[in-house]
Each structure stands twice: as structure tokens, then as C-alpha cells.
Amino acid sequence: MHKGEYGYDAPYAPVIFGVVAAVTGFAAAMESLHLSARAAAPMTFCCVWFLASACSFCYTTRRGKFLE
């Protein structure tokens, strides 16, 4: 298949995305408990967005570059 092993392009990026996803997920959970699900919706969206960004980054930097 592919013959290279280039690692991650910017190894700090998925870590930062993951930390931000965890923080916004925690904030969404706290808002959901103390306020309402409607109030937690923006933080939930941010959590999903950053989690998807981290997953996308990991996929494209490890596997996607070889498919292209």
C-alpha cells in the first residue's frame, strides 16, 4: 500500500482539539444539569465540532495523505 511513515504533521493540534472538546463537553453537561438542554446546545455543538476536527486531523495526517 504505502511505503512511508511520516508521523503527525502537527502533533499538538489533535491534543488541543481534544482538550477543547473535553472542556466544552463538560460545560455542556453542566449547563444541561443546571439550566436546560436548549442552553447547552451551543456548547454541545462546539464539543462535537472540535471532536470531529481532532478525528479528521488524525485521519488525514496519517492515512489520507497516502490515499491522495
N, C-alpha and C. Protein backbone atom coordinates (compact mmCIF):
# COMPACT_ATOMS: atom_id res chain seq x y z
N MET A 1 0.83 -1.18 0.00
CA MET A 1 0.00 0.00 0.00
C MET A 1 0.88 1.25 0.00
N HIS A 2 1.30 1.72 1.15
CA HIS A 2 2.18 2.89 1.20
C HIS A 2 3.49 2.51 1.85
N LYS A 3 4.54 3.25 1.51
CA LYS A 3 5.87 2.89 2.00
C LYS A 3 6.46 3.91 2.96
N GLY A 4 5.70 4.92 3.32
CA GLY A 4 6.25 5.94 4.20
C GLY A 4 5.60 5.93 5.56
N GLU A 5 6.30 6.47 6.50
CA GLU A 5 5.78 6.66 7.86
C GLU A 5 6.23 8.04 8.27
N TYR A 6 5.35 9.00 8.10
CA TYR A 6 5.73 10.39 8.30
C TYR A 6 5.25 10.98 9.62
N GLY A 7 4.50 10.23 10.38
CA GLY A 7 4.01 10.73 11.66
C GLY A 7 2.92 11.76 11.50
N TYR A 8 2.71 12.52 12.54
CA TYR A 8 1.70 13.57 12.52
C TYR A 8 2.34 14.88 12.08
N ASP A 9 1.61 15.65 11.27
CA ASP A 9 2.15 16.90 10.77
C ASP A 9 2.34 17.93 11.89
N ALA A 10 1.40 18.02 12.77
CA ALA A 10 1.48 18.94 13.92
C ALA A 10 0.90 18.21 15.11
N PRO A 11 1.73 17.50 15.88
CA PRO A 11 1.21 16.63 16.93
C PRO A 11 0.45 17.35 18.04
N TYR A 12 0.66 18.63 18.21
CA TYR A 12 -0.05 19.36 19.25
C TYR A 12 -1.49 19.67 18.85
N ALA A 13 -1.81 19.69 17.56
CA ALA A 13 -3.15 20.08 17.10
C ALA A 13 -4.25 19.14 17.60
N PRO A 14 -4.14 17.82 17.43
CA PRO A 14 -5.23 16.97 17.93
C PRO A 14 -5.33 16.99 19.45
N VAL A 15 -4.22 17.23 20.12
CA VAL A 15 -4.26 17.33 21.59
C VAL A 15 -5.06 18.56 22.00
N ILE A 16 -4.79 19.68 21.34
CA ILE A 16 -5.53 20.91 21.65
C ILE A 16 -7.00 20.75 21.32
N PHE A 17 -7.30 20.16 20.14
CA PHE A 17 -8.69 19.92 19.77
C PHE A 17 -9.38 19.02 20.80
N GLY A 18 -8.69 18.00 21.25
CA GLY A 18 -9.27 17.09 22.25
C GLY A 18 -9.52 17.76 23.58
N VAL A 19 -8.59 18.60 24.01
CA VAL A 19 -8.77 19.32 25.28
C VAL A 19 -9.94 20.29 25.18
N VAL A 20 -10.02 21.02 24.07
CA VAL A 20 -11.14 21.95 23.90
C VAL A 20 -12.46 21.19 23.83
N ALA A 21 -12.48 20.04 23.17
CA ALA A 21 -13.70 19.22 23.12
C ALA A 21 -14.09 18.75 24.51
N ALA A 22 -13.13 18.35 25.32
CA ALA A 22 -13.44 17.90 26.69
C ALA A 22 -13.98 19.04 27.54
N VAL A 23 -13.37 20.22 27.42
CA VAL A 23 -13.81 21.37 28.21
C VAL A 23 -15.22 21.80 27.80
N THR A 24 -15.47 21.89 26.49
CA THR A 24 -16.80 22.29 26.05
C THR A 24 -17.83 21.20 26.34
N GLY A 25 -17.43 19.94 26.30
CA GLY A 25 -18.34 18.86 26.68
C GLY A 25 -18.71 18.94 28.15
N PHE A 26 -17.73 19.23 28.99
CA PHE A 26 -18.02 19.40 30.42
C PHE A 26 -18.93 20.60 30.65
N ALA A 27 -18.66 21.70 29.95
CA ALA A 27 -19.50 22.89 30.08
C ALA A 27 -20.92 22.60 29.61
N ALA A 28 -21.07 21.83 28.54
CA ALA A 28 -22.40 21.47 28.05
C ALA A 28 -23.14 20.61 29.07
N ALA A 29 -22.42 19.69 29.69
CA ALA A 29 -23.05 18.84 30.71
C ALA A 29 -23.50 19.66 31.92
N MET A 30 -22.67 20.59 32.34
CA MET A 30 -23.03 21.44 33.48
C MET A 30 -24.22 22.34 33.14
N GLU A 31 -24.23 22.91 31.94
CA GLU A 31 -25.37 23.74 31.54
C GLU A 31 -26.64 22.91 31.44
N SER A 32 -26.50 21.68 30.96
CA SER A 32 -27.66 20.81 30.84
C SER A 32 -28.24 20.46 32.21
N LEU A 33 -27.37 20.26 33.19
CA LEU A 33 -27.82 19.93 34.53
C LEU A 33 -28.42 21.12 35.27
N HIS A 34 -27.81 22.27 35.12
CA HIS A 34 -28.21 23.43 35.90
C HIS A 34 -29.19 24.36 35.17
N LEU A 35 -29.18 24.34 33.86
CA LEU A 35 -30.08 25.23 33.12
C LEU A 35 -31.07 24.39 32.32
N SER A 36 -30.82 24.21 31.05
CA SER A 36 -31.69 23.39 30.21
C SER A 36 -30.89 22.84 29.03
N ALA A 37 -31.49 21.90 28.34
CA ALA A 37 -30.83 21.33 27.17
C ALA A 37 -30.68 22.38 26.08
N ARG A 38 -31.63 23.29 26.01
CA ARG A 38 -31.56 24.35 25.00
C ARG A 38 -30.38 25.28 25.27
N ALA A 39 -30.10 25.55 26.52
CA ALA A 39 -28.97 26.40 26.88
C ALA A 39 -27.65 25.69 26.61
N ALA A 40 -27.65 24.37 26.67
CA ALA A 40 -26.42 23.60 26.46
C ALA A 40 -26.14 23.33 24.98
N ALA A 41 -27.08 23.62 24.11
CA ALA A 41 -26.93 23.30 22.69
C ALA A 41 -25.69 23.93 22.05
N PRO A 42 -25.38 25.21 22.27
CA PRO A 42 -24.18 25.77 21.64
C PRO A 42 -22.88 25.09 22.08
N MET A 43 -22.78 24.78 23.36
CA MET A 43 -21.58 24.11 23.86
C MET A 43 -21.51 22.67 23.35
N THR A 44 -22.64 22.02 23.21
CA THR A 44 -22.67 20.67 22.66
C THR A 44 -22.19 20.70 21.21
N PHE A 45 -22.66 21.69 20.45
CA PHE A 45 -22.21 21.84 19.08
C PHE A 45 -20.70 22.04 19.02
N CYS A 46 -20.16 22.90 19.89
CA CYS A 46 -18.72 23.15 19.91
C CYS A 46 -17.95 21.87 20.26
N CYS A 47 -18.46 21.12 21.21
CA CYS A 47 -17.81 19.87 21.60
C CYS A 47 -17.75 18.90 20.43
N VAL A 48 -18.86 18.72 19.75
CA VAL A 48 -18.90 17.81 18.60
C VAL A 48 -17.99 18.32 17.48
N TRP A 49 -17.98 19.63 17.27
CA TRP A 49 -17.15 20.23 16.22
C TRP A 49 -15.66 19.96 16.47
N PHE A 50 -15.21 20.21 17.70
CA PHE A 50 -13.79 20.02 17.99
C PHE A 50 -13.42 18.54 18.04
N LEU A 51 -14.31 17.69 18.47
CA LEU A 51 -14.05 16.25 18.45
C LEU A 51 -13.94 15.75 17.01
N ALA A 52 -14.83 16.22 16.15
CA ALA A 52 -14.76 15.84 14.73
C ALA A 52 -13.49 16.39 14.09
N SER A 53 -13.09 17.59 14.48
CA SER A 53 -11.86 18.17 13.94
C SER A 53 -10.64 17.34 14.33
N ALA A 54 -10.60 16.90 15.57
CA ALA A 54 -9.48 16.07 16.02
C ALA A 54 -9.44 14.74 15.26
N CYS A 55 -10.60 14.12 15.09
CA CYS A 55 -10.65 12.85 14.36
C CYS A 55 -10.27 13.04 12.90
N SER A 56 -10.77 14.09 12.29
CA SER A 56 -10.45 14.38 10.89
C SER A 56 -8.96 14.64 10.72
N PHE A 57 -8.40 15.40 11.63
CA PHE A 57 -6.96 15.70 11.56
C PHE A 57 -6.14 14.43 11.64
N CYS A 58 -6.48 13.58 12.60
CA CYS A 58 -5.72 12.33 12.76
C CYS A 58 -5.84 11.45 11.51
N TYR A 59 -7.03 11.37 10.94
CA TYR A 59 -7.22 10.56 9.75
C TYR A 59 -6.44 11.12 8.57
N THR A 60 -6.59 12.41 8.32
CA THR A 60 -5.96 12.98 7.12
C THR A 60 -4.45 13.02 7.22
N THR A 61 -3.90 13.20 8.41
CA THR A 61 -2.45 13.29 8.52
C THR A 61 -1.78 11.91 8.53
N ARG A 62 -2.51 10.86 8.89
CA ARG A 62 -1.91 9.53 8.93
C ARG A 62 -2.25 8.68 7.72
N ARG A 63 -3.48 8.73 7.27
CA ARG A 63 -3.94 7.84 6.19
C ARG A 63 -4.30 8.60 4.92
N GLY A 64 -4.95 9.73 5.07
CA GLY A 64 -5.46 10.45 3.92
C GLY A 64 -4.40 10.89 2.93
N LYS A 65 -3.25 11.25 3.42
CA LYS A 65 -2.18 11.71 2.51
C LYS A 65 -1.71 10.60 1.59
N PHE A 66 -1.83 9.35 2.01
CA PHE A 66 -1.42 8.24 1.18
C PHE A 66 -2.50 7.87 0.16
N LEU A 67 -3.74 8.17 0.47
CA LEU A 67 -4.82 7.90 -0.47
C LEU A 67 -4.81 8.91 -1.63
N GLU A 68 -4.36 10.10 -1.33
CA GLU A 68 -4.30 11.14 -2.36
C GLU A 68 -3.12 10.85 -3.27
